[in-house]
Structures are given as structure tokens and as C-alpha cells.
Amino acid sequence: MPETPHKKCPICGKPAVDEFKPFCSKRCADIDLNRWLTGNYVIPARDDEPLPDADGEEN
């Protein structure tokens, strides 16, 4: 499998492979997916925007 020059897998640090970019293998890609699905990775929410009510009006 061809390697992507100068890019490293974010999971294990080995050289990335084009087929699994940005990862080096399916295993590392699956590890990353599992971390998203189990909540290990979280994108923080912003609390400064009011949420709409059920009728569409903001609180």
C-alpha cells in the first residue's frame, strides 16, 4: 500500500496510507471511529445561543 509522505497516523504515529488516510490501517481507522461512537471525543457546545421552543420561538 502506498504511503502518504510526511503524514503520520493520529492513532499510532506510523506513516499514513492513502487507502485509509489519515490513518495507517483499517484497525486505526476503526479505533478512531469507536472513540467517536463511545463519546471519548466530544465537540464542545456553545451555551450562548438560545434554543428554540417546540413552537419555534427562542427562549
PDB file of N, CA and C in Angstrom:
ATOM      1  N   MET A   1       0.837  -1.187   0.000  1.00  0.00           N
ATOM      2  CA  MET A   1       0.000   0.000   0.000  1.00  0.00           C
ATOM      3  C   MET A   1       0.881   1.249   0.000  1.00  0.00           C
ATOM      4  N   PRO A   2       0.555   2.230  -0.827  1.00  0.00           N
ATOM      5  CA  PRO A   2       1.378   3.438  -0.876  1.00  0.00           C
ATOM      6  C   PRO A   2       1.209   4.287   0.377  1.00  0.00           C
ATOM      7  N   GLU A   3       2.287   4.904   0.783  1.00  0.00           N
ATOM      8  CA  GLU A   3       2.268   5.768   1.952  1.00  0.00           C
ATOM      9  C   GLU A   3       2.115   7.213   1.529  1.00  0.00           C
ATOM     10  N   THR A   4       1.452   8.015   2.361  1.00  0.00           N
ATOM     11  CA  THR A   4       1.362   9.442   2.139  1.00  0.00           C
ATOM     12  C   THR A   4       2.592  10.073   2.769  1.00  0.00           C
ATOM     13  N   PRO A   5       3.386  10.813   1.994  1.00  0.00           N
ATOM     14  CA  PRO A   5       4.634  11.352   2.545  1.00  0.00           C
ATOM     15  C   PRO A   5       4.410  12.337   3.684  1.00  0.00           C
ATOM     16  N   HIS A   6       5.189  12.187   4.735  1.00  0.00           N
ATOM     17  CA  HIS A   6       5.265  13.122   5.859  1.00  0.00           C
ATOM     18  C   HIS A   6       3.992  13.197   6.709  1.00  0.00           C
ATOM     19  N   LYS A   7       3.029  12.345   6.483  1.00  0.00           N
ATOM     20  CA  LYS A   7       1.826  12.339   7.322  1.00  0.00           C
ATOM     21  C   LYS A   7       1.887  11.120   8.229  1.00  0.00           C
ATOM     22  N   LYS A   8       1.511  11.325   9.474  1.00  0.00           N
ATOM     23  CA  LYS A   8       1.532  10.224  10.422  1.00  0.00           C
ATOM     24  C   LYS A   8       0.124   9.918  10.899  1.00  0.00           C
ATOM     25  N   CYS A   9      -0.107   8.668  11.193  1.00  0.00           N
ATOM     26  CA  CYS A   9      -1.388   8.207  11.710  1.00  0.00           C
ATOM     27  C   CYS A   9      -1.632   8.871  13.066  1.00  0.00           C
ATOM     28  N   PRO A  10      -2.807   9.492  13.266  1.00  0.00           N
ATOM     29  CA  PRO A  10      -3.077  10.143  14.550  1.00  0.00           C
ATOM     30  C   PRO A  10      -3.278   9.164  15.709  1.00  0.00           C
ATOM     31  N   ILE A  11      -3.452   7.891  15.417  1.00  0.00           N
ATOM     32  CA  ILE A  11      -3.660   6.897  16.466  1.00  0.00           C
ATOM     33  C   ILE A  11      -2.334   6.303  16.941  1.00  0.00           C
ATOM     34  N   CYS A  12      -1.501   5.832  15.991  1.00  0.00           N
ATOM     35  CA  CYS A  12      -0.288   5.125  16.401  1.00  0.00           C
ATOM     36  C   CYS A  12       1.015   5.811  15.990  1.00  0.00           C
ATOM     37  N   GLY A  13       0.942   6.790  15.087  1.00  0.00           N
ATOM     38  CA  GLY A  13       2.134   7.516  14.685  1.00  0.00           C
ATOM     39  C   GLY A  13       2.890   6.925  13.511  1.00  0.00           C
ATOM     40  N   LYS A  14       2.436   5.768  12.991  1.00  0.00           N
ATOM     41  CA  LYS A  14       3.076   5.187  11.809  1.00  0.00           C
ATOM     42  C   LYS A  14       2.726   6.033  10.589  1.00  0.00           C
ATOM     43  N   PRO A  15       3.457   5.882   9.487  1.00  0.00           N
ATOM     44  CA  PRO A  15       3.134   6.637   8.272  1.00  0.00           C
ATOM     45  C   PRO A  15       1.725   6.317   7.770  1.00  0.00           C
ATOM     46  N   ALA A  16       0.982   7.346   7.370  1.00  0.00           N
ATOM     47  CA  ALA A  16      -0.376   7.173   6.856  1.00  0.00           C
ATOM     48  C   ALA A  16      -0.339   6.485   5.496  1.00  0.00           C
ATOM     49  N   VAL A  17      -1.399   5.747   5.192  1.00  0.00           N
ATOM     50  CA  VAL A  17      -1.544   5.044   3.927  1.00  0.00           C
ATOM     51  C   VAL A  17      -2.722   5.667   3.185  1.00  0.00           C
ATOM     52  N   ASP A  18      -2.556   5.915   1.864  1.00  0.00           N
ATOM     53  CA  ASP A  18      -3.600   6.583   1.085  1.00  0.00           C
ATOM     54  C   ASP A  18      -4.958   5.904   1.216  1.00  0.00           C
ATOM     55  N   GLU A  19      -4.996   4.591   1.237  1.00  0.00           N
ATOM     56  CA  GLU A  19      -6.263   3.850   1.302  1.00  0.00           C
ATOM     57  C   GLU A  19      -7.048   4.155   2.582  1.00  0.00           C
ATOM     58  N   PHE A  20      -6.353   4.434   3.684  1.00  0.00           N
ATOM     59  CA  PHE A  20      -7.007   4.657   4.975  1.00  0.00           C
ATOM     60  C   PHE A  20      -6.769   6.066   5.502  1.00  0.00           C
ATOM     61  N   LYS A  21      -6.335   6.959   4.673  1.00  0.00           N
ATOM     62  CA  LYS A  21      -5.972   8.330   5.021  1.00  0.00           C
ATOM     63  C   LYS A  21      -6.986   8.954   5.976  1.00  0.00           C
ATOM     64  N   PRO A  22      -6.618   9.545   7.081  1.00  0.00           N
ATOM     65  CA  PRO A  22      -5.276   9.888   7.535  1.00  0.00           C
ATOM     66  C   PRO A  22      -4.641   8.812   8.408  1.00  0.00           C
ATOM     67  N   PHE A  23      -5.185   7.598   8.373  1.00  0.00           N
ATOM     68  CA  PHE A  23      -4.695   6.515   9.230  1.00  0.00           C
ATOM     69  C   PHE A  23      -3.743   5.604   8.470  1.00  0.00           C
ATOM     70  N   CYS A  24      -3.092   4.703   9.192  1.00  0.00           N
ATOM     71  CA  CYS A  24      -2.150   3.772   8.570  1.00  0.00           C
ATOM     72  C   CYS A  24      -2.811   2.451   8.214  1.00  0.00           C
ATOM     73  N   SER A  25      -3.969   2.169   8.813  1.00  0.00           N
ATOM     74  CA  SER A  25      -4.628   0.883   8.586  1.00  0.00           C
ATOM     75  C   SER A  25      -6.107   0.977   8.942  1.00  0.00           C
ATOM     76  N   LYS A  26      -6.852  -0.050   8.543  1.00  0.00           N
ATOM     77  CA  LYS A  26      -8.266  -0.122   8.900  1.00  0.00           C
ATOM     78  C   LYS A  26      -8.419  -0.216  10.421  1.00  0.00           C
ATOM     79  N   ARG A  27      -7.496  -0.905  11.053  1.00  0.00           N
ATOM     80  CA  ARG A  27      -7.550  -1.050  12.510  1.00  0.00           C
ATOM     81  C   ARG A  27      -7.528   0.315  13.200  1.00  0.00           C
ATOM     82  N   CYS A  28      -6.597   1.184  12.799  1.00  0.00           N
ATOM     83  CA  CYS A  28      -6.516   2.509  13.423  1.00  0.00           C
ATOM     84  C   CYS A  28      -7.749   3.355  13.076  1.00  0.00           C
ATOM     85  N   ALA A  29      -8.268   3.215  11.853  1.00  0.00           N
ATOM     86  CA  ALA A  29      -9.484   3.927  11.483  1.00  0.00           C
ATOM     87  C   ALA A  29     -10.649   3.463  12.351  1.00  0.00           C
ATOM     88  N   ASP A  30     -10.737   2.165  12.607  1.00  0.00           N
ATOM     89  CA  ASP A  30     -11.802   1.623  13.451  1.00  0.00           C
ATOM     90  C   ASP A  30     -11.654   2.063  14.906  1.00  0.00           C
ATOM     91  N   ILE A  31     -10.434   2.158  15.391  1.00  0.00           N
ATOM     92  CA  ILE A  31     -10.199   2.654  16.753  1.00  0.00           C
ATOM     93  C   ILE A  31     -10.711   4.079  16.877  1.00  0.00           C
ATOM     94  N   ASP A  32     -10.412   4.913  15.877  1.00  0.00           N
ATOM     95  CA  ASP A  32     -10.874   6.299  15.881  1.00  0.00           C
ATOM     96  C   ASP A  32     -12.397   6.370  15.839  1.00  0.00           C
ATOM     97  N   LEU A  33     -13.028   5.578  14.977  1.00  0.00           N
ATOM     98  CA  LEU A  33     -14.489   5.556  14.899  1.00  0.00           C
ATOM     99  C   LEU A  33     -15.099   5.133  16.228  1.00  0.00           C
ATOM    100  N   ASN A  34     -14.529   4.109  16.849  1.00  0.00           N
ATOM    101  CA  ASN A  34     -15.026   3.657  18.155  1.00  0.00           C
ATOM    102  C   ASN A  34     -14.926   4.763  19.208  1.00  0.00           C
ATOM    103  N   ARG A  35     -13.865   5.538  19.168  1.00  0.00           N
ATOM    104  CA  ARG A  35     -13.717   6.635  20.136  1.00  0.00           C
ATOM    105  C   ARG A  35     -14.814   7.678  19.942  1.00  0.00           C
ATOM    106  N   TRP A  36     -15.193   7.967  18.686  1.00  0.00           N
ATOM    107  CA  TRP A  36     -16.298   8.904  18.441  1.00  0.00           C
ATOM    108  C   TRP A  36     -17.615   8.316  18.922  1.00  0.00           C
ATOM    109  N   LEU A  37     -17.866   7.046  18.600  1.00  0.00           N
ATOM    110  CA  LEU A  37     -19.151   6.426  18.921  1.00  0.00           C
ATOM    111  C   LEU A  37     -19.358   6.206  20.419  1.00  0.00           C
ATOM    112  N   THR A  38     -18.283   6.042  21.174  1.00  0.00           N
ATOM    113  CA  THR A  38     -18.410   5.812  22.612  1.00  0.00           C
ATOM    114  C   THR A  38     -18.305   7.103  23.430  1.00  0.00           C
ATOM    115  N   GLY A  39     -18.124   8.245  22.760  1.00  0.00           N
ATOM    116  CA  GLY A  39     -18.104   9.518  23.464  1.00  0.00           C
ATOM    117  C   GLY A  39     -16.751   9.940  23.994  1.00  0.00           C
ATOM    118  N   ASN A  40     -15.675   9.255  23.601  1.00  0.00           N
ATOM    119  CA  ASN A  40     -14.343   9.675  24.042  1.00  0.00           C
ATOM    120  C   ASN A  40     -13.939  10.995  23.416  1.00  0.00           C
ATOM    121  N   TYR A  41     -14.405  11.241  22.176  1.00  0.00           N
ATOM    122  CA  TYR A  41     -14.178  12.521  21.519  1.00  0.00           C
ATOM    123  C   TYR A  41     -15.483  13.311  21.625  1.00  0.00           C
ATOM    124  N   VAL A  42     -15.390  14.571  21.999  1.00  0.00           N
ATOM    125  CA  VAL A  42     -16.576  15.400  22.138  1.00  0.00           C
ATOM    126  C   VAL A  42     -16.294  16.776  21.540  1.00  0.00           C
ATOM    127  N   ILE A  43     -17.246  17.280  20.773  1.00  0.00           N
ATOM    128  CA  ILE A  43     -17.156  18.643  20.266  1.00  0.00           C
ATOM    129  C   ILE A  43     -17.936  19.512  21.244  1.00  0.00           C
ATOM    130  N   PRO A  44     -17.294  20.478  21.885  1.00  0.00           N
ATOM    131  CA  PRO A  44     -17.991  21.282  22.892  1.00  0.00           C
ATOM    132  C   PRO A  44     -19.115  22.114  22.280  1.00  0.00           C
ATOM    133  N   ALA A  45     -20.209  22.220  23.003  1.00  0.00           N
ATOM    134  CA  ALA A  45     -21.352  23.027  22.576  1.00  0.00           C
ATOM    135  C   ALA A  45     -21.187  24.452  23.074  1.00  0.00           C
ATOM    136  N   ARG A  46     -21.827  25.371  22.382  1.00  0.00           N
ATOM    137  CA  ARG A  46     -21.812  26.767  22.806  1.00  0.00           C
ATOM    138  C   ARG A  46     -23.121  27.065  23.523  1.00  0.00           C
ATOM    139  N   ASP A  47     -23.044  27.594  24.745  1.00  0.00           N
ATOM    140  CA  ASP A  47     -24.227  27.890  25.540  1.00  0.00           C
ATOM    141  C   ASP A  47     -24.758  29.305  25.322  1.00  0.00           C
ATOM    142  N   ASP A  48     -24.098  30.109  24.500  1.00  0.00           N
ATOM    143  CA  ASP A  48     -24.506  31.495  24.361  1.00  0.00           C
ATOM    144  C   ASP A  48     -25.646  31.710  23.368  1.00  0.00           C
ATOM    145  N   GLU A  49     -26.098  30.654  22.669  1.00  0.00           N
ATOM    146  CA  GLU A  49     -27.201  30.779  21.732  1.00  0.00           C
ATOM    147  C   GLU A  49     -28.444  30.133  22.323  1.00  0.00           C
ATOM    148  N   PRO A  50     -29.569  30.870  22.417  1.00  0.00           N
ATOM    149  CA  PRO A  50     -30.791  30.279  22.984  1.00  0.00           C
ATOM    150  C   PRO A  50     -31.364  29.219  22.047  1.00  0.00           C
ATOM    151  N   LEU A  51     -31.943  28.191  22.641  1.00  0.00           N
ATOM    152  CA  LEU A  51     -32.571  27.113  21.883  1.00  0.00           C
ATOM    153  C   LEU A  51     -34.028  27.477  21.611  1.00  0.00           C
ATOM    154  N   PRO A  52     -34.559  27.102  20.436  1.00  0.00           N
ATOM    155  CA  PRO A  52     -35.961  27.383  20.138  1.00  0.00           C
ATOM    156  C   PRO A  52     -36.885  26.473  20.934  1.00  0.00           C
ATOM    157  N   ASP A  53     -38.097  26.981  21.269  1.00  0.00           N
ATOM    158  CA  ASP A  53     -39.146  26.171  21.893  1.00  0.00           C
ATOM    159  C   ASP A  53     -39.703  25.212  20.856  1.00  0.00           C
ATOM    160  N   ALA A  54     -40.637  24.366  21.291  1.00  0.00           N
ATOM    161  CA  ALA A  54     -41.297  23.440  20.377  1.00  0.00           C
ATOM    162  C   ALA A  54     -42.061  24.181  19.287  1.00  0.00           C
ATOM    163  N   ASP A  55     -42.559  25.405  19.573  1.00  0.00           N
ATOM    164  CA  ASP A  55     -43.302  26.157  18.571  1.00  0.00           C
ATOM    165  C   ASP A  55     -42.384  27.040  17.717  1.00  0.00           C
ATOM    166  N   GLY A  56     -41.074  26.940  17.903  1.00  0.00           N
ATOM    167  CA  GLY A  56     -40.115  27.646  17.071  1.00  0.00           C
ATOM    168  C   GLY A  56     -39.643  28.972  17.615  1.00  0.00           C
ATOM    169  N   GLU A  57     -40.196  29.416  18.758  1.00  0.00           N
ATOM    170  CA  GLU A  57     -39.763  30.691  19.342  1.00  0.00           C
ATOM    171  C   GLU A  57     -38.568  30.473  20.254  1.00  0.00           C
ATOM    172  N   GLU A  58     -37.674  31.461  20.282  1.00  0.00           N
ATOM    173  CA  GLU A  58     -36.496  31.362  21.143  1.00  0.00           C
ATOM    174  C   GLU A  58     -36.860  31.657  22.587  1.00  0.00           C
ATOM    175  N   ASN A  59     -36.129  31.008  23.513  1.00  0.00           N
ATOM    176  CA  ASN A  59     -36.342  31.232  24.954  1.00  0.00           C
ATOM    177  C   ASN A  59     -35.711  32.519  25.387  1.00  0.00           C
TER     178      ASN A  59
END
